[in-house]
Structure formats: structure tokens, C-alpha cells
């Protein structure tokens, strides 16, 4: 598995356009073969900064998506609002802690 995090900084006047763009396309991205999870996050202190957090079955699937018509369509529209160069990381999970719902209910 591969986790992809992308940070994007938008012109404040383009924030609403980006939110609409992602509301209309996030389900399409999530439906791409190999995409296991997708989340769009907005920074609390700088609401013009967004992150995409996605989990992929592997780098092959991410690469395939990044060369798709869907990616080009969404990315080309999104980048119209950028005021800074986007940053991206492909990372591997090392440690995961989840609250155990069974044990939590017993407390």
C-alpha cells in the first residue's frame, strides 16, 4: 500500500471553486482502480490550504491514475487557483493505532 499526501495553496478567491470541484469529482477519483481511500482536508488556520490524503493499492495504481484523463481534467482545473507550488509525498505507513471499539465500550 501507498499513501499519497498533496498540499495545495489556493488564492483565497478560488477556495470555493476548489471545494465545488472536489465535491463533484472525489467520488470519481475514489472509484479509480487501486484507490482504497480518499480524503480532502482543509487547514484550520489557513483555509486556503488543502491536502488530499489518499491510499492506493500500490505505486502502479497511483501512476496509472496520474496519467489518466480524469487526473488531467481535475488537476488542470485545480491548478488555475494555485498561488504556491503544490507539494506531494508518497509515504509508507510505519505505525497505526486505532481505538478498539470493543475495549472502549467496556470502560
PDB file of N, CA and C in Angstrom:
ATOM      1  N   UNK A   1       0.832  -1.184   0.000  1.00  0.00           N
ATOM      2  CA  UNK A   1       0.000   0.000   0.000  1.00  0.00           C
ATOM      3  C   UNK A   1       0.875   1.247   0.000  1.00  0.00           C
ATOM      4  N   UNK A   2       0.289   2.297  -0.513  1.00  0.00           N
ATOM      5  CA  UNK A   2       0.990   3.573  -0.608  1.00  0.00           C
ATOM      6  C   UNK A   2       0.019   4.682  -0.215  1.00  0.00           C
ATOM      7  N   UNK A   3       0.478   5.587   0.619  1.00  0.00           N
ATOM      8  CA  UNK A   3      -0.320   6.754   0.983  1.00  0.00           C
ATOM      9  C   UNK A   3       0.268   7.962   0.281  1.00  0.00           C
ATOM     10  N   UNK A   4      -0.610   8.755  -0.309  1.00  0.00           N
ATOM     11  CA  UNK A   4      -0.192   9.953  -1.048  1.00  0.00           C
ATOM     12  C   UNK A   4      -0.809  11.169  -0.374  1.00  0.00           C
ATOM     13  N   UNK A   5       0.032  12.131  -0.038  1.00  0.00           N
ATOM     14  CA  UNK A   5      -0.407  13.379   0.575  1.00  0.00           C
ATOM     15  C   UNK A   5       0.024  14.517  -0.339  1.00  0.00           C
ATOM     16  N   UNK A   6      -0.926  15.364  -0.713  1.00  0.00           N
ATOM     17  CA  UNK A   6      -0.625  16.501  -1.579  1.00  0.00           C
ATOM     18  C   UNK A   6      -1.127  17.766  -0.903  1.00  0.00           C
ATOM     19  N   UNK A   7      -0.248  18.742  -0.781  1.00  0.00           N
ATOM     20  CA  UNK A   7      -0.590  20.042  -0.192  1.00  0.00           C
ATOM     21  C   UNK A   7      -0.743  21.054  -1.319  1.00  0.00           C
ATOM     22  N   UNK A   8      -1.864  21.784  -1.284  1.00  0.00           N
ATOM     23  CA  UNK A   8      -2.135  22.792  -2.310  1.00  0.00           C
ATOM     24  C   UNK A   8      -2.549  24.092  -1.631  1.00  0.00           C
ATOM     25  N   UNK A   9      -1.974  25.199  -2.077  1.00  0.00           N
ATOM     26  CA  UNK A   9      -2.303  26.512  -1.547  1.00  0.00           C
ATOM     27  C   UNK A   9      -2.987  27.313  -2.643  1.00  0.00           C
ATOM     28  N   UNK A  10      -4.177  27.811  -2.328  1.00  0.00           N
ATOM     29  CA  UNK A  10      -5.005  28.491  -3.320  1.00  0.00           C
ATOM     30  C   UNK A  10      -5.139  29.981  -3.033  1.00  0.00           C
ATOM     31  N   UNK A  11      -5.388  30.725  -4.091  1.00  0.00           N
ATOM     32  CA  UNK A  11      -5.830  32.103  -3.968  1.00  0.00           C
ATOM     33  C   UNK A  11      -7.125  32.058  -3.159  1.00  0.00           C
ATOM     34  N   UNK A  12      -7.278  32.959  -2.206  1.00  0.00           N
ATOM     35  CA  UNK A  12      -8.471  32.951  -1.346  1.00  0.00           C
ATOM     36  C   UNK A  12      -9.761  33.042  -2.160  1.00  0.00           C
ATOM     37  N   UNK A  13      -9.709  33.696  -3.305  1.00  0.00           N
ATOM     38  CA  UNK A  13     -10.891  33.823  -4.162  1.00  0.00           C
ATOM     39  C   UNK A  13     -11.211  32.538  -4.923  1.00  0.00           C
ATOM     40  N   UNK A  14     -10.329  31.556  -4.887  1.00  0.00           N
ATOM     41  CA  UNK A  14     -10.533  30.303  -5.622  1.00  0.00           C
ATOM     42  C   UNK A  14     -10.893  29.133  -4.719  1.00  0.00           C
ATOM     43  N   UNK A  15     -10.967  29.357  -3.416  1.00  0.00           N
ATOM     44  CA  UNK A  15     -11.243  28.285  -2.452  1.00  0.00           C
ATOM     45  C   UNK A  15     -12.586  27.620  -2.733  1.00  0.00           C
ATOM     46  N   UNK A  16     -13.624  28.422  -2.887  1.00  0.00           N
ATOM     47  CA  UNK A  16     -14.960  27.852  -3.118  1.00  0.00           C
ATOM     48  C   UNK A  16     -15.002  27.034  -4.402  1.00  0.00           C
ATOM     49  N   UNK A  17     -14.308  27.509  -5.438  1.00  0.00           N
ATOM     50  CA  UNK A  17     -14.256  26.763  -6.705  1.00  0.00           C
ATOM     51  C   UNK A  17     -13.598  25.409  -6.511  1.00  0.00           C
ATOM     52  N   UNK A  18     -12.526  25.369  -5.719  1.00  0.00           N
ATOM     53  CA  UNK A  18     -11.850  24.102  -5.468  1.00  0.00           C
ATOM     54  C   UNK A  18     -12.753  23.143  -4.699  1.00  0.00           C
ATOM     55  N   UNK A  19     -13.454  23.658  -3.700  1.00  0.00           N
ATOM     56  CA  UNK A  19     -14.355  22.801  -2.919  1.00  0.00           C
ATOM     57  C   UNK A  19     -15.432  22.205  -3.824  1.00  0.00           C
ATOM     58  N   UNK A  20     -16.012  23.004  -4.685  1.00  0.00           N
ATOM     59  CA  UNK A  20     -17.035  22.501  -5.619  1.00  0.00           C
ATOM     60  C   UNK A  20     -16.425  21.466  -6.557  1.00  0.00           C
ATOM     61  N   UNK A  21     -15.237  21.759  -7.070  1.00  0.00           N
ATOM     62  CA  UNK A  21     -14.547  20.826  -7.966  1.00  0.00           C
ATOM     63  C   UNK A  21     -14.374  19.461  -7.294  1.00  0.00           C
ATOM     64  N   UNK A  22     -13.949  19.468  -6.049  1.00  0.00           N
ATOM     65  CA  UNK A  22     -13.706  18.205  -5.354  1.00  0.00           C
ATOM     66  C   UNK A  22     -15.009  17.513  -4.959  1.00  0.00           C
ATOM     67  N   UNK A  23     -16.037  18.277  -4.622  1.00  0.00           N
ATOM     68  CA  UNK A  23     -17.334  17.663  -4.316  1.00  0.00           C
ATOM     69  C   UNK A  23     -17.890  16.934  -5.542  1.00  0.00           C
ATOM     70  N   UNK A  24     -17.628  17.480  -6.719  1.00  0.00           N
ATOM     71  CA  UNK A  24     -18.125  16.863  -7.941  1.00  0.00           C
ATOM     72  C   UNK A  24     -17.251  15.713  -8.447  1.00  0.00           C
ATOM     73  N   UNK A  25     -15.999  15.658  -8.004  1.00  0.00           N
ATOM     74  CA  UNK A  25     -15.078  14.670  -8.574  1.00  0.00           C
ATOM     75  C   UNK A  25     -14.481  13.679  -7.593  1.00  0.00           C
ATOM     76  N   UNK A  26     -14.629  13.902  -6.298  1.00  0.00           N
ATOM     77  CA  UNK A  26     -13.980  12.999  -5.336  1.00  0.00           C
ATOM     78  C   UNK A  26     -14.503  11.570  -5.462  1.00  0.00           C
ATOM     79  N   UNK A  27     -15.794  11.404  -5.720  1.00  0.00           N
ATOM     80  CA  UNK A  27     -16.332  10.046  -5.881  1.00  0.00           C
ATOM     81  C   UNK A  27     -15.769   9.376  -7.134  1.00  0.00           C
ATOM     82  N   UNK A  28     -15.487  10.163  -8.159  1.00  0.00           N
ATOM     83  CA  UNK A  28     -14.890   9.616  -9.381  1.00  0.00           C
ATOM     84  C   UNK A  28     -13.444   9.167  -9.130  1.00  0.00           C
ATOM     85  N   UNK A  29     -12.724   9.977  -8.375  1.00  0.00           N
ATOM     86  CA  UNK A  29     -11.337   9.620  -8.043  1.00  0.00           C
ATOM     87  C   UNK A  29     -11.330   8.368  -7.174  1.00  0.00           C
ATOM     88  N   UNK A  30     -12.213   8.342  -6.188  1.00  0.00           N
ATOM     89  CA  UNK A  30     -12.277   7.182  -5.277  1.00  0.00           C
ATOM     90  C   UNK A  30     -12.622   5.899  -6.030  1.00  0.00           C
ATOM     91  N   UNK A  31     -13.347   6.017  -7.140  1.00  0.00           N
ATOM     92  CA  UNK A  31     -13.752   4.852  -7.924  1.00  0.00           C
ATOM     93  C   UNK A  31     -12.650   4.332  -8.843  1.00  0.00           C
ATOM     94  N   UNK A  32     -11.547   5.054  -8.939  1.00  0.00           N
ATOM     95  CA  UNK A  32     -10.442   4.621  -9.797  1.00  0.00           C
ATOM     96  C   UNK A  32      -9.865   3.317  -9.256  1.00  0.00           C
ATOM     97  N   UNK A  33      -9.567   2.414 -10.160  1.00  0.00           N
ATOM     98  CA  UNK A  33      -8.978   1.135  -9.754  1.00  0.00           C
ATOM     99  C   UNK A  33      -7.724   1.376  -8.917  1.00  0.00           C
ATOM    100  N   UNK A  34      -7.660   0.727  -7.775  1.00  0.00           N
ATOM    101  CA  UNK A  34      -6.495   0.814  -6.905  1.00  0.00           C
ATOM    102  C   UNK A  34      -6.592   1.869  -5.826  1.00  0.00           C
ATOM    103  N   UNK A  35      -7.568   2.776  -5.926  1.00  0.00           N
ATOM    104  CA  UNK A  35      -7.752   3.797  -4.886  1.00  0.00           C
ATOM    105  C   UNK A  35      -8.589   3.188  -3.766  1.00  0.00           C
ATOM    106  N   UNK A  36      -8.005   3.086  -2.587  1.00  0.00           N
ATOM    107  CA  UNK A  36      -8.676   2.475  -1.451  1.00  0.00           C
ATOM    108  C   UNK A  36      -9.343   3.497  -0.535  1.00  0.00           C
ATOM    109  N   UNK A  37      -8.864   4.739  -0.584  1.00  0.00           N
ATOM    110  CA  UNK A  37      -9.348   5.748   0.355  1.00  0.00           C
ATOM    111  C   UNK A  37      -8.994   7.119  -0.187  1.00  0.00           C
ATOM    112  N   UNK A  38      -9.886   8.078   0.023  1.00  0.00           N
ATOM    113  CA  UNK A  38      -9.618   9.460  -0.391  1.00  0.00           C
ATOM    114  C   UNK A  38     -10.247  10.404   0.611  1.00  0.00           C
ATOM    115  N   UNK A  39      -9.476  11.379   1.030  1.00  0.00           N
ATOM    116  CA  UNK A  39      -9.963  12.403   1.938  1.00  0.00           C
ATOM    117  C   UNK A  39      -9.423  13.743   1.462  1.00  0.00           C
ATOM    118  N   UNK A  40     -10.286  14.769   1.500  1.00  0.00           N
ATOM    119  CA  UNK A  40      -9.878  16.132   1.174  1.00  0.00           C
ATOM    120  C   UNK A  40      -9.916  16.903   2.487  1.00  0.00           C
ATOM    121  N   UNK A  41      -8.805  17.523   2.845  1.00  0.00           N
ATOM    122  CA  UNK A  41      -8.669  18.200   4.137  1.00  0.00           C
ATOM    123  C   UNK A  41      -8.385  19.684   3.924  1.00  0.00           C
ATOM    124  N   UNK A  42      -8.925  20.518   4.812  1.00  0.00           N
ATOM    125  CA  UNK A  42      -8.715  21.960   4.759  1.00  0.00           C
ATOM    126  C   UNK A  42      -8.047  22.397   6.060  1.00  0.00           C
ATOM    127  N   UNK A  43      -6.997  23.179   5.934  1.00  0.00           N
ATOM    128  CA  UNK A  43      -6.270  23.655   7.103  1.00  0.00           C
ATOM    129  C   UNK A  43      -7.163  24.562   7.953  1.00  0.00           C
ATOM    130  N   UNK A  44      -7.140  24.388   9.260  1.00  0.00           N
ATOM    131  CA  UNK A  44      -8.000  25.179  10.151  1.00  0.00           C
ATOM    132  C   UNK A  44      -7.544  26.630  10.273  1.00  0.00           C
ATOM    133  N   UNK A  45      -6.262  26.865  10.273  1.00  0.00           N
ATOM    134  CA  UNK A  45      -5.767  28.237  10.468  1.00  0.00           C
ATOM    135  C   UNK A  45      -5.548  28.987   9.151  1.00  0.00           C
ATOM    136  N   UNK A  46      -5.382  28.262   8.060  1.00  0.00           N
ATOM    137  CA  UNK A  46      -5.218  28.879   6.737  1.00  0.00           C
ATOM    138  C   UNK A  46      -6.180  28.180   5.781  1.00  0.00           C
ATOM    139  N   UNK A  47      -7.424  28.647   5.718  1.00  0.00           N
ATOM    140  CA  UNK A  47      -8.448  27.928   4.952  1.00  0.00           C
ATOM    141  C   UNK A  47      -8.238  27.896   3.441  1.00  0.00           C
ATOM    142  N   UNK A  48      -7.187  28.523   2.964  1.00  0.00           N
ATOM    143  CA  UNK A  48      -6.862  28.425   1.537  1.00  0.00           C
ATOM    144  C   UNK A  48      -5.830  27.326   1.266  1.00  0.00           C
ATOM    145  N   UNK A  49      -5.478  26.569   2.305  1.00  0.00           N
ATOM    146  CA  UNK A  49      -4.560  25.442   2.164  1.00  0.00           C
ATOM    147  C   UNK A  49      -5.359  24.146   2.302  1.00  0.00           C
ATOM    148  N   UNK A  50      -5.181  23.273   1.319  1.00  0.00           N
ATOM    149  CA  UNK A  50      -5.872  21.986   1.292  1.00  0.00           C
ATOM    150  C   UNK A  50      -4.867  20.859   1.147  1.00  0.00           C
ATOM    151  N   UNK A  51      -5.281  19.684   1.594  1.00  0.00           N
ATOM    152  CA  UNK A  51      -4.490  18.476   1.431  1.00  0.00           C
ATOM    153  C   UNK A  51      -5.387  17.395   0.853  1.00  0.00           C
ATOM    154  N   UNK A  52      -4.846  16.611  -0.048  1.00  0.00           N
ATOM    155  CA  UNK A  52      -5.513  15.365  -0.399  1.00  0.00           C
ATOM    156  C   UNK A  52      -4.729  14.259   0.298  1.00  0.00           C
ATOM    157  N   UNK A  53      -5.465  13.322   0.848  1.00  0.00           N
ATOM    158  CA  UNK A  53      -4.887  12.184   1.546  1.00  0.00           C
ATOM    159  C   UNK A  53      -5.528  10.957   0.917  1.00  0.00           C
ATOM    160  N   UNK A  54      -4.728  10.208   0.187  1.00  0.00           N
ATOM    161  CA  UNK A  54      -5.283   9.042  -0.495  1.00  0.00           C
ATOM    162  C   UNK A  54      -4.422   7.818  -0.229  1.00  0.00           C
ATOM    163  N   UNK A  55      -5.085   6.673  -0.247  1.00  0.00           N
ATOM    164  CA  UNK A  55      -4.392   5.406  -0.046  1.00  0.00           C
ATOM    165  C   UNK A  55      -4.621   4.568  -1.291  1.00  0.00           C
ATOM    166  N   UNK A  56      -3.540   4.025  -1.817  1.00  0.00           N
ATOM    167  CA  UNK A  56      -3.546   3.266  -3.060  1.00  0.00           C
ATOM    168  C   UNK A  56      -3.014   1.862  -2.822  1.00  0.00           C
ATOM    169  N   UNK A  57      -3.495   0.922  -3.613  1.00  0.00           N
ATOM    170  CA  UNK A  57      -3.022  -0.465  -3.503  1.00  0.00           C
ATOM    171  C   UNK A  57      -1.530  -0.557  -3.756  1.00  0.00           C
ATOM    172  N   UNK A  58      -0.978   0.361  -4.522  1.00  0.00           N
ATOM    173  CA  UNK A  58       0.449   0.385  -4.805  1.00  0.00           C
ATOM    174  C   UNK A  58       0.786   1.516  -5.759  1.00  0.00           C
ATOM    175  N   UNK A  59       2.073   1.728  -5.981  1.00  0.00           N
ATOM    176  CA  UNK A  59       2.522   2.835  -6.829  1.00  0.00           C
ATOM    177  C   UNK A  59       2.040   2.680  -8.273  1.00  0.00           C
ATOM    178  N   UNK A  60       1.859   1.457  -8.743  1.00  0.00           N
ATOM    179  CA  UNK A  60       1.360   1.231 -10.100  1.00  0.00           C
ATOM    180  C   UNK A  60       0.017   1.932 -10.303  1.00  0.00           C
ATOM    181  N   UNK A  61      -0.889   1.784  -9.330  1.00  0.00           N
ATOM    182  CA  UNK A  61      -2.230   2.356  -9.447  1.00  0.00           C
ATOM    183  C   UNK A  61      -2.203   3.883  -9.351  1.00  0.00           C
ATOM    184  N   UNK A  62      -1.369   4.412  -8.473  1.00  0.00           N
ATOM    185  CA  UNK A  62      -1.229   5.867  -8.387  1.00  0.00           C
ATOM    186  C   UNK A  62      -0.680   6.413  -9.704  1.00  0.00           C
ATOM    187  N   UNK A  63       0.337   5.760 -10.234  1.00  0.00           N
ATOM    188  CA  UNK A  63       0.936   6.181 -11.507  1.00  0.00           C
ATOM    189  C   UNK A  63      -0.106   6.127 -12.633  1.00  0.00           C
ATOM    190  N   UNK A  64      -0.882   5.082 -12.646  1.00  0.00           N
ATOM    191  CA  UNK A  64      -1.924   4.921 -13.668  1.00  0.00           C
ATOM    192  C   UNK A  64      -2.946   6.060 -13.565  1.00  0.00           C
ATOM    193  N   UNK A  65      -3.370   6.383 -12.351  1.00  0.00           N
ATOM    194  CA  UNK A  65      -4.310   7.479 -12.147  1.00  0.00           C
ATOM    195  C   UNK A  65      -3.701   8.807 -12.579  1.00  0.00           C
ATOM    196  N   UNK A  66      -2.449   9.054 -12.214  1.00  0.00           N
ATOM    197  CA  UNK A  66      -1.809  10.336 -12.530  1.00  0.00           C
ATOM    198  C   UNK A  66      -1.622  10.546 -14.033  1.00  0.00           C
ATOM    199  N   UNK A  67      -1.773   9.499 -14.820  1.00  0.00           N
ATOM    200  CA  UNK A  67      -1.681   9.615 -16.278  1.00  0.00           C
ATOM    201  C   UNK A  67      -3.040   9.447 -16.951  1.00  0.00           C
ATOM    202  N   UNK A  68      -4.105   9.544 -16.161  1.00  0.00           N
ATOM    203  CA  UNK A  68      -5.453   9.355 -16.693  1.00  0.00           C
ATOM    204  C   UNK A  68      -6.075  10.684 -17.121  1.00  0.00           C
ATOM    205  N   UNK A  69      -7.112  10.573 -17.935  1.00  0.00           N
ATOM    206  CA  UNK A  69      -7.871  11.757 -18.354  1.00  0.00           C
ATOM    207  C   UNK A  69      -8.533  12.425 -17.150  1.00  0.00           C
ATOM    208  N   UNK A  70      -9.008  11.635 -16.196  1.00  0.00           N
ATOM    209  CA  UNK A  70      -9.648  12.186 -15.005  1.00  0.00           C
ATOM    210  C   UNK A  70      -8.674  13.064 -14.226  1.00  0.00           C
ATOM    211  N   UNK A  71      -7.471  12.573 -13.989  1.00  0.00           N
ATOM    212  CA  UNK A  71      -6.475  13.363 -13.263  1.00  0.00           C
ATOM    213  C   UNK A  71      -6.196  14.665 -14.000  1.00  0.00           C
ATOM    214  N   UNK A  72      -5.958  14.575 -15.301  1.00  0.00           N
ATOM    215  CA  UNK A  72      -5.655  15.782 -16.083  1.00  0.00           C
ATOM    216  C   UNK A  72      -6.798  16.785 -15.999  1.00  0.00           C
ATOM    217  N   UNK A  73      -8.028  16.302 -16.082  1.00  0.00           N
ATOM    218  CA  UNK A  73      -9.198  17.176 -16.010  1.00  0.00           C
ATOM    219  C   UNK A  73      -9.264  17.899 -14.659  1.00  0.00           C
ATOM    220  N   UNK A  74      -9.164  17.152 -13.577  1.00  0.00           N
ATOM    221  CA  UNK A  74      -9.291  17.730 -12.241  1.00  0.00           C
ATOM    222  C   UNK A  74      -8.078  18.593 -11.902  1.00  0.00           C
ATOM    223  N   UNK A  75      -6.893  18.096 -12.181  1.00  0.00           N
ATOM    224  CA  UNK A  75      -5.668  18.817 -11.826  1.00  0.00           C
ATOM    225  C   UNK A  75      -5.561  20.125 -12.602  1.00  0.00           C
ATOM    226  N   UNK A  76      -5.880  20.102 -13.888  1.00  0.00           N
ATOM    227  CA  UNK A  76      -5.798  21.326 -14.691  1.00  0.00           C
ATOM    228  C   UNK A  76      -6.751  22.393 -14.173  1.00  0.00           C
ATOM    229  N   UNK A  77      -7.920  21.990 -13.742  1.00  0.00           N
ATOM    230  CA  UNK A  77      -8.885  22.938 -13.182  1.00  0.00           C
ATOM    231  C   UNK A  77      -8.399  23.439 -11.820  1.00  0.00           C
ATOM    232  N   UNK A  78      -7.914  22.545 -10.977  1.00  0.00           N
ATOM    233  CA  UNK A  78      -7.457  22.935  -9.640  1.00  0.00           C
ATOM    234  C   UNK A  78      -6.281  23.897  -9.709  1.00  0.00           C
ATOM    235  N   UNK A  79      -5.327  23.623 -10.566  1.00  0.00           N
ATOM    236  CA  UNK A  79      -4.103  24.438 -10.580  1.00  0.00           C
ATOM    237  C   UNK A  79      -4.331  25.870 -11.052  1.00  0.00           C
ATOM    238  N   UNK A  80      -5.494  26.148 -11.633  1.00  0.00           N
ATOM    239  CA  UNK A  80      -5.824  27.523 -12.000  1.00  0.00           C
ATOM    240  C   UNK A  80      -5.864  28.428 -10.768  1.00  0.00           C
ATOM    241  N   UNK A  81      -6.127  27.849  -9.604  1.00  0.00           N
ATOM    242  CA  UNK A  81      -6.227  28.636  -8.375  1.00  0.00           C
ATOM    243  C   UNK A  81      -4.989  28.638  -7.503  1.00  0.00           C
ATOM    244  N   UNK A  82      -3.941  27.906  -7.878  1.00  0.00           N
ATOM    245  CA  UNK A  82      -2.737  27.814  -7.041  1.00  0.00           C
ATOM    246  C   UNK A  82      -2.037  29.170  -6.936  1.00  0.00           C
ATOM    247  N   UNK A  83      -1.572  29.473  -5.729  1.00  0.00           N
ATOM    248  CA  UNK A  83      -0.704  30.644  -5.552  1.00  0.00           C
ATOM    249  C   UNK A  83       0.693  30.216  -5.084  1.00  0.00           C
ATOM    250  N   UNK A  84       0.869  28.923  -4.908  1.00  0.00           N
ATOM    251  CA  UNK A  84       2.163  28.378  -4.499  1.00  0.00           C
ATOM    252  C   UNK A  84       2.305  27.012  -5.157  1.00  0.00           C
ATOM    253  N   UNK A  85       3.527  26.586  -5.299  1.00  0.00           N
ATOM    254  CA  UNK A  85       3.785  25.281  -5.896  1.00  0.00           C
ATOM    255  C   UNK A  85       3.245  24.186  -4.968  1.00  0.00           C
ATOM    256  N   UNK A  86       2.469  23.239  -5.517  1.00  0.00           N
ATOM    257  CA  UNK A  86       1.986  22.153  -4.665  1.00  0.00           C
ATOM    258  C   UNK A  86       3.143  21.264  -4.207  1.00  0.00           C
ATOM    259  N   UNK A  87       2.954  20.626  -3.073  1.00  0.00           N
ATOM    260  CA  UNK A  87       3.936  19.688  -2.550  1.00  0.00           C
ATOM    261  C   UNK A  87       3.265  18.332  -2.441  1.00  0.00           C
ATOM    262  N   UNK A  88       4.017  17.274  -2.719  1.00  0.00           N
ATOM    263  CA  UNK A  88       3.446  15.931  -2.675  1.00  0.00           C
ATOM    264  C   UNK A  88       4.433  14.957  -2.053  1.00  0.00           C
ATOM    265  N   UNK A  89       3.862  14.024  -1.308  1.00  0.00           N
ATOM    266  CA  UNK A  89       4.648  12.980  -0.673  1.00  0.00           C
ATOM    267  C   UNK A  89       3.969  11.638  -0.897  1.00  0.00           C
ATOM    268  N   UNK A  90       4.753  10.633  -1.212  1.00  0.00           N
ATOM    269  CA  UNK A  90       4.286   9.250  -1.222  1.00  0.00           C
ATOM    270  C   UNK A  90       4.967   8.593  -0.033  1.00  0.00           C
ATOM    271  N   UNK A  91       4.148   8.081   0.881  1.00  0.00           N
ATOM    272  CA  UNK A  91       4.697   7.578   2.143  1.00  0.00           C
ATOM    273  C   UNK A  91       4.191   6.176   2.435  1.00  0.00           C
ATOM    274  N   UNK A  92       4.933   5.471   3.259  1.00  0.00           N
ATOM    275  CA  UNK A  92       4.537   4.152   3.746  1.00  0.00           C
ATOM    276  C   UNK A  92       4.137   4.277   5.207  1.00  0.00           C
ATOM    277  N   UNK A  93       3.115   3.560   5.576  1.00  0.00           N
ATOM    278  CA  UNK A  93       2.676   3.539   6.971  1.00  0.00           C
ATOM    279  C   UNK A  93       3.650   2.705   7.778  1.00  0.00           C
ATOM    280  N   UNK A  94       4.093   3.238   8.893  1.00  0.00           N
ATOM    281  CA  UNK A  94       5.009   2.525   9.780  1.00  0.00           C
ATOM    282  C   UNK A  94       4.265   2.009  11.009  1.00  0.00           C
ATOM    283  N   UNK A  95       3.468   2.876  11.620  1.00  0.00           N
ATOM    284  CA  UNK A  95       2.718   2.515  12.825  1.00  0.00           C
ATOM    285  C   UNK A  95       1.295   3.036  12.672  1.00  0.00           C
ATOM    286  N   UNK A  96       0.330   2.240  13.104  1.00  0.00           N
ATOM    287  CA  UNK A  96      -1.066   2.680  13.114  1.00  0.00           C
ATOM    288  C   UNK A  96      -1.676   2.289  14.449  1.00  0.00           C
ATOM    289  N   UNK A  97      -2.338   3.235  15.070  1.00  0.00           N
ATOM    290  CA  UNK A  97      -3.054   2.969  16.317  1.00  0.00           C
ATOM    291  C   UNK A  97      -4.507   3.334  16.101  1.00  0.00           C
ATOM    292  N   UNK A  98      -5.371   2.382  16.359  1.00  0.00           N
ATOM    293  CA  UNK A  98      -6.808   2.629  16.299  1.00  0.00           C
ATOM    294  C   UNK A  98      -7.390   2.318  17.660  1.00  0.00           C
ATOM    295  N   UNK A  99      -8.352   3.104  18.027  1.00  0.00           N
ATOM    296  CA  UNK A  99      -9.043   2.848  19.275  1.00  0.00           C
ATOM    297  C   UNK A  99      -9.882   1.598  19.092  1.00  0.00           C
ATOM    298  N   UNK A 100      -9.767   0.687  20.012  1.00  0.00           N
ATOM    299  CA  UNK A 100     -10.504  -0.570  19.958  1.00  0.00           C
ATOM    300  C   UNK A 100     -11.930  -0.326  20.461  1.00  0.00           C
ATOM    301  N   UNK A 101     -12.904  -0.361  19.566  1.00  0.00           N
ATOM    302  CA  UNK A 101     -14.288  -0.076  19.918  1.00  0.00           C
ATOM    303  C   UNK A 101     -14.830  -1.048  20.966  1.00  0.00           C
ATOM    304  N   UNK A 102     -14.403  -2.301  20.931  1.00  0.00           N
ATOM    305  CA  UNK A 102     -14.884  -3.285  21.912  1.00  0.00           C
ATOM    306  C   UNK A 102     -14.373  -2.932  23.294  1.00  0.00           C
ATOM    307  N   UNK A 103     -13.079  -2.644  23.397  1.00  0.00           N
ATOM    308  CA  UNK A 103     -12.492  -2.304  24.699  1.00  0.00           C
ATOM    309  C   UNK A 103     -12.995  -0.950  25.190  1.00  0.00           C
ATOM    310  N   UNK A 104     -13.204  -0.029  24.271  1.00  0.00           N
ATOM    311  CA  UNK A 104     -13.671   1.296  24.645  1.00  0.00           C
ATOM    312  C   UNK A 104     -15.050   1.231  25.272  1.00  0.00           C
ATOM    313  N   UNK A 105     -15.936   0.394  24.710  1.00  0.00           N
ATOM    314  CA  UNK A 105     -17.292   0.294  25.257  1.00  0.00           C
ATOM    315  C   UNK A 105     -17.310  -0.398  26.618  1.00  0.00           C
ATOM    316  N   UNK A 106     -16.272  -1.158  26.937  1.00  0.00           N
ATOM    317  CA  UNK A 106     -16.211  -1.862  28.219  1.00  0.00           C
ATOM    318  C   UNK A 106     -15.769  -0.950  29.348  1.00  0.00           C
ATOM    319  N   UNK A 107     -15.204   0.214  29.000  1.00  0.00           N
ATOM    320  CA  UNK A 107     -14.688   1.128  30.034  1.00  0.00           C
ATOM    321  C   UNK A 107     -15.788   1.834  30.776  1.00  0.00           C
TER     322      UNK A 107
END
